[in-house]
Every structure is written in C-alpha cells, then in structure tokens.
Amino acid sequence: MSVETRSRVMARIKGKGTGPELRLAALLSEVGLAWESHARDLPGRPDFVFRDRRVAVFVDGDFWHGWRFPVWRDKLSEAWEAKIEATRLRDSRNFRRLRRSGWRVVRVWEHQLARDPEGSVARVKKALDATP
C-alpha cells in the first residue's frame, strides 16, 4: 500500500462512534442502562461514564490499543510499534489516574465484545453493582 493510500485509510478511522462502541451502547440500552459518553473532564475520555456509580468503561480496539502486543509487535515498522506502545502507556496512565480518583475502570476489548457480548454487558453491570 502506498504512503498516500495508507494515510487516507488511517484518516478515516474514528475515535468515537466505532462499531464495537455502538454495539455495546445498544446492549447497555437493552438492559435499561443510561450513561454519559466521552466525558472530557475524565482521563482518557471514557466511552461510557456512569457518574453516580463512578464507573468508567472503555471499548478498545485490539490493534490500536495493543491486545497481546508483545506477541506481534516485531511485525510492525518502528513508527507503528512506537505509536501503539505510546497508546498502551497512555491507557495505563489514564486507568491509574481514574482508579486513584475513586473510579472503577472496565475495559472491554473489541474481540471480547464480538465473542461474548452478554459477558461484556455482565462485566459492566458487575462493576455498577459493586459500587456503593
């Protein structure tokens, strides 16, 4: 793929309103949950925020957020490896900041949602139920 084509393809990838995010939103709505989306005042701008229960939910893409990154990182160019590693570090920092502020953080990976959508909803509900 040429540099120009790759740039055009990558520019079309969205940060919010992704397929997995919309899927989880539909599932959460089905069970009667209401949330705030992409809260700018919270570290990492969680995809789903349940303020009253202090639960933040992130729906992360396997590639972009580096699911099992050590297994496949050597197949990438240096630039992509650095980009994904920086994303992983940023995610860790944001999750840590949220937890230190008293938030429960739920991370739903793209492959988990595809394989077990009900299990993903159950994890969110469990976090909501565990919060006083």
C-alpha atoms as a PDB file:
ATOM      1  CA  MET A   1       0.000   0.000   0.000  1.00  0.00           C
ATOM      2  CA  SER A   2       1.389   3.402  -0.891  1.00  0.00           C
ATOM      3  CA  VAL A   3       2.033   6.006   1.773  1.00  0.00           C
ATOM      4  CA  GLU A   4      -0.750   8.181   0.372  1.00  0.00           C
ATOM      5  CA  THR A   5      -3.288   5.354   0.338  1.00  0.00           C
ATOM      6  CA  ARG A   6      -2.364   4.258   3.858  1.00  0.00           C
ATOM      7  CA  SER A   7      -2.677   7.835   5.084  1.00  0.00           C
ATOM      8  CA  ARG A   8      -6.121   8.140   3.503  1.00  0.00           C
ATOM      9  CA  VAL A   9      -7.260   4.837   5.049  1.00  0.00           C
ATOM     10  CA  MET A  10      -5.957   5.712   8.511  1.00  0.00           C
ATOM     11  CA  ALA A  11      -7.540   9.170   8.417  1.00  0.00           C
ATOM     12  CA  ARG A  12     -10.968   7.547   8.098  1.00  0.00           C
ATOM     13  CA  ILE A  13     -10.660   5.611  11.360  1.00  0.00           C
ATOM     14  CA  LYS A  14     -12.825   7.190  14.038  1.00  0.00           C
ATOM     15  CA  GLY A  15     -12.046   7.726  17.703  1.00  0.00           C
ATOM     16  CA  LYS A  16     -15.650   7.564  18.812  1.00  0.00           C
ATOM     17  CA  GLY A  17     -18.824   6.073  17.433  1.00  0.00           C
ATOM     18  CA  THR A  18     -16.961   2.936  16.358  1.00  0.00           C
ATOM     19  CA  GLY A  19     -18.750  -0.307  15.546  1.00  0.00           C
ATOM     20  CA  PRO A  20     -17.815  -2.016  18.827  1.00  0.00           C
ATOM     21  CA  GLU A  21     -18.784   1.075  20.807  1.00  0.00           C
ATOM     22  CA  LEU A  22     -22.181   1.293  19.092  1.00  0.00           C
ATOM     23  CA  ARG A  23     -22.719  -2.420  19.692  1.00  0.00           C
ATOM     24  CA  LEU A  24     -22.057  -2.089  23.420  1.00  0.00           C
ATOM     25  CA  ALA A  25     -24.280   1.007  23.576  1.00  0.00           C
ATOM     26  CA  ALA A  26     -27.163  -0.957  22.061  1.00  0.00           C
ATOM     27  CA  LEU A  27     -26.620  -3.818  24.500  1.00  0.00           C
ATOM     28  CA  LEU A  28     -26.461  -1.491  27.506  1.00  0.00           C
ATOM     29  CA  SER A  29     -29.645   0.238  26.356  1.00  0.00           C
ATOM     30  CA  GLU A  30     -31.388  -3.132  26.084  1.00  0.00           C
ATOM     31  CA  VAL A  31     -30.783  -3.755  29.790  1.00  0.00           C
ATOM     32  CA  GLY A  32     -32.018  -0.275  30.710  1.00  0.00           C
ATOM     33  CA  LEU A  33     -28.737   1.484  31.478  1.00  0.00           C
ATOM     34  CA  ALA A  34     -28.163   5.179  30.835  1.00  0.00           C
ATOM     35  CA  TRP A  35     -24.730   6.762  30.586  1.00  0.00           C
ATOM     36  CA  GLU A  36     -22.752   9.799  29.593  1.00  0.00           C
ATOM     37  CA  SER A  37     -20.469   9.469  26.568  1.00  0.00           C
ATOM     38  CA  HIS A  38     -16.867  10.602  26.198  1.00  0.00           C
ATOM     39  CA  ALA A  39     -16.633  12.779  29.305  1.00  0.00           C
ATOM     40  CA  ARG A  40     -13.953  15.350  28.533  1.00  0.00           C
ATOM     41  CA  ASP A  41     -13.286  16.034  32.206  1.00  0.00           C
ATOM     42  CA  LEU A  42     -12.098  12.469  32.893  1.00  0.00           C
ATOM     43  CA  PRO A  43      -8.707  10.997  31.993  1.00  0.00           C
ATOM     44  CA  GLY A  44      -8.861   9.145  28.679  1.00  0.00           C
ATOM     45  CA  ARG A  45     -12.392  10.362  27.898  1.00  0.00           C
ATOM     46  CA  PRO A  46     -14.101   7.033  28.691  1.00  0.00           C
ATOM     47  CA  ASP A  47     -16.562   5.743  26.104  1.00  0.00           C
ATOM     48  CA  PHE A  48     -19.267   5.190  28.743  1.00  0.00           C
ATOM     49  CA  VAL A  49     -19.449   7.027  32.057  1.00  0.00           C
ATOM     50  CA  PHE A  50     -21.776   6.187  34.929  1.00  0.00           C
ATOM     51  CA  ARG A  51     -21.035   9.180  37.163  1.00  0.00           C
ATOM     52  CA  ASP A  52     -23.366   8.333  40.001  1.00  0.00           C
ATOM     53  CA  ARG A  53     -21.659   4.923  40.372  1.00  0.00           C
ATOM     54  CA  ARG A  54     -18.183   6.215  39.429  1.00  0.00           C
ATOM     55  CA  VAL A  55     -17.709   3.609  36.709  1.00  0.00           C
ATOM     56  CA  ALA A  56     -15.801   4.347  33.502  1.00  0.00           C
ATOM     57  CA  VAL A  57     -15.976   1.947  30.552  1.00  0.00           C
ATOM     58  CA  PHE A  58     -13.548   1.870  27.654  1.00  0.00           C
ATOM     59  CA  VAL A  59     -14.178  -0.099  24.446  1.00  0.00           C
ATOM     60  CA  ASP A  60     -10.745  -0.651  22.938  1.00  0.00           C
ATOM     61  CA  GLY A  61      -9.760  -1.931  19.515  1.00  0.00           C
ATOM     62  CA  ASP A  62      -7.405  -4.905  19.581  1.00  0.00           C
ATOM     63  CA  PHE A  63      -4.915  -3.394  17.151  1.00  0.00           C
ATOM     64  CA  TRP A  64      -4.952   0.247  18.207  1.00  0.00           C
ATOM     65  CA  HIS A  65      -4.663  -0.473  21.918  1.00  0.00           C
ATOM     66  CA  GLY A  66      -2.281  -3.406  21.557  1.00  0.00           C
ATOM     67  CA  TRP A  67      -4.098  -6.544  22.695  1.00  0.00           C
ATOM     68  CA  ARG A  68      -1.311  -9.124  23.268  1.00  0.00           C
ATOM     69  CA  PHE A  69       1.114  -6.601  21.795  1.00  0.00           C
ATOM     70  CA  PRO A  70       4.325  -8.419  22.790  1.00  0.00           C
ATOM     71  CA  VAL A  71       3.286 -11.334  20.546  1.00  0.00           C
ATOM     72  CA  TRP A  72       3.069  -9.290  17.342  1.00  0.00           C
ATOM     73  CA  ARG A  73       4.966  -6.057  17.944  1.00  0.00           C
ATOM     74  CA  ASP A  74       8.009  -7.275  15.990  1.00  0.00           C
ATOM     75  CA  LYS A  75       5.905  -7.464  12.807  1.00  0.00           C
ATOM     76  CA  LEU A  76       5.418  -3.680  12.756  1.00  0.00           C
ATOM     77  CA  SER A  77       7.559  -0.852  11.499  1.00  0.00           C
ATOM     78  CA  GLU A  78       9.327   1.176  14.169  1.00  0.00           C
ATOM     79  CA  ALA A  79       6.832   4.010  13.771  1.00  0.00           C
ATOM     80  CA  TRP A  80       3.777   1.769  14.319  1.00  0.00           C
ATOM     81  CA  GLU A  81       5.423  -0.025  17.207  1.00  0.00           C
ATOM     82  CA  ALA A  82       6.157   3.313  18.881  1.00  0.00           C
ATOM     83  CA  LYS A  83       2.614   4.582  18.218  1.00  0.00           C
ATOM     84  CA  ILE A  84       0.905   1.545  19.741  1.00  0.00           C
ATOM     85  CA  GLU A  85       3.332   1.416  22.663  1.00  0.00           C
ATOM     86  CA  ALA A  86       2.570   5.077  23.385  1.00  0.00           C
ATOM     87  CA  THR A  87      -1.155   4.300  23.300  1.00  0.00           C
ATOM     88  CA  ARG A  88      -0.674   1.420  25.756  1.00  0.00           C
ATOM     89  CA  LEU A  89       1.291   3.654  28.124  1.00  0.00           C
ATOM     90  CA  ARG A  90      -1.321   6.412  27.860  1.00  0.00           C
ATOM     91  CA  ASP A  91      -4.104   3.904  28.575  1.00  0.00           C
ATOM     92  CA  SER A  92      -2.288   2.626  31.672  1.00  0.00           C
ATOM     93  CA  ARG A  93      -1.703   6.164  32.912  1.00  0.00           C
ATOM     94  CA  ASN A  94      -5.353   7.136  32.379  1.00  0.00           C
ATOM     95  CA  PHE A  95      -6.696   3.990  34.063  1.00  0.00           C
ATOM     96  CA  ARG A  96      -4.375   4.570  37.034  1.00  0.00           C
ATOM     97  CA  ARG A  97      -5.481   8.203  37.355  1.00  0.00           C
ATOM     98  CA  LEU A  98      -9.144   7.196  37.284  1.00  0.00           C
ATOM     99  CA  ARG A  99      -8.666   4.463  39.897  1.00  0.00           C
ATOM    100  CA  ARG A 100      -6.740   6.826  42.175  1.00  0.00           C
ATOM    101  CA  SER A 101      -9.702   9.212  41.935  1.00  0.00           C
ATOM    102  CA  GLY A 102     -12.078   6.504  43.111  1.00  0.00           C
ATOM    103  CA  TRP A 103     -13.383   5.268  39.771  1.00  0.00           C
ATOM    104  CA  ARG A 104     -13.882   1.661  38.728  1.00  0.00           C
ATOM    105  CA  VAL A 105     -12.498   1.078  35.247  1.00  0.00           C
ATOM    106  CA  VAL A 106     -13.886  -1.562  32.911  1.00  0.00           C
ATOM    107  CA  ARG A 107     -12.003  -2.264  29.711  1.00  0.00           C
ATOM    108  CA  VAL A 108     -13.907  -4.155  27.032  1.00  0.00           C
ATOM    109  CA  TRP A 109     -11.705  -5.374  24.203  1.00  0.00           C
ATOM    110  CA  GLU A 110     -13.077  -5.498  20.681  1.00  0.00           C
ATOM    111  CA  HIS A 111     -12.613  -9.286  20.455  1.00  0.00           C
ATOM    112  CA  GLN A 112     -14.343  -9.845  23.820  1.00  0.00           C
ATOM    113  CA  LEU A 113     -17.394  -7.916  22.704  1.00  0.00           C
ATOM    114  CA  ALA A 114     -17.535  -9.841  19.409  1.00  0.00           C
ATOM    115  CA  ARG A 115     -17.104 -13.225  21.070  1.00  0.00           C
ATOM    116  CA  ASP A 116     -19.233 -12.714  24.182  1.00  0.00           C
ATOM    117  CA  PRO A 117     -21.465  -9.627  24.055  1.00  0.00           C
ATOM    118  CA  GLU A 118     -23.566 -10.721  27.037  1.00  0.00           C
ATOM    119  CA  GLY A 119     -20.412 -11.309  29.082  1.00  0.00           C
ATOM    120  CA  SER A 120     -19.224  -7.794  28.264  1.00  0.00           C
ATOM    121  CA  VAL A 121     -22.521  -6.326  29.494  1.00  0.00           C
ATOM    122  CA  ALA A 122     -22.323  -8.514  32.601  1.00  0.00           C
ATOM    123  CA  ARG A 123     -18.865  -7.076  33.410  1.00  0.00           C
ATOM    124  CA  VAL A 124     -20.238  -3.539  33.204  1.00  0.00           C
ATOM    125  CA  LYS A 125     -23.250  -4.452  35.356  1.00  0.00           C
ATOM    126  CA  LYS A 126     -20.991  -6.167  37.908  1.00  0.00           C
ATOM    127  CA  ALA A 127     -18.885  -3.005  38.235  1.00  0.00           C
ATOM    128  CA  LEU A 128     -22.046  -0.919  38.642  1.00  0.00           C
ATOM    129  CA  ASP A 129     -23.429  -3.291  41.282  1.00  0.00           C
ATOM    130  CA  ALA A 130     -20.139  -3.359  43.205  1.00  0.00           C
ATOM    131  CA  THR A 131     -20.111   0.400  43.638  1.00  0.00           C
ATOM    132  CA  PRO A 132     -21.846   1.686  46.791  1.00  0.00           C
END
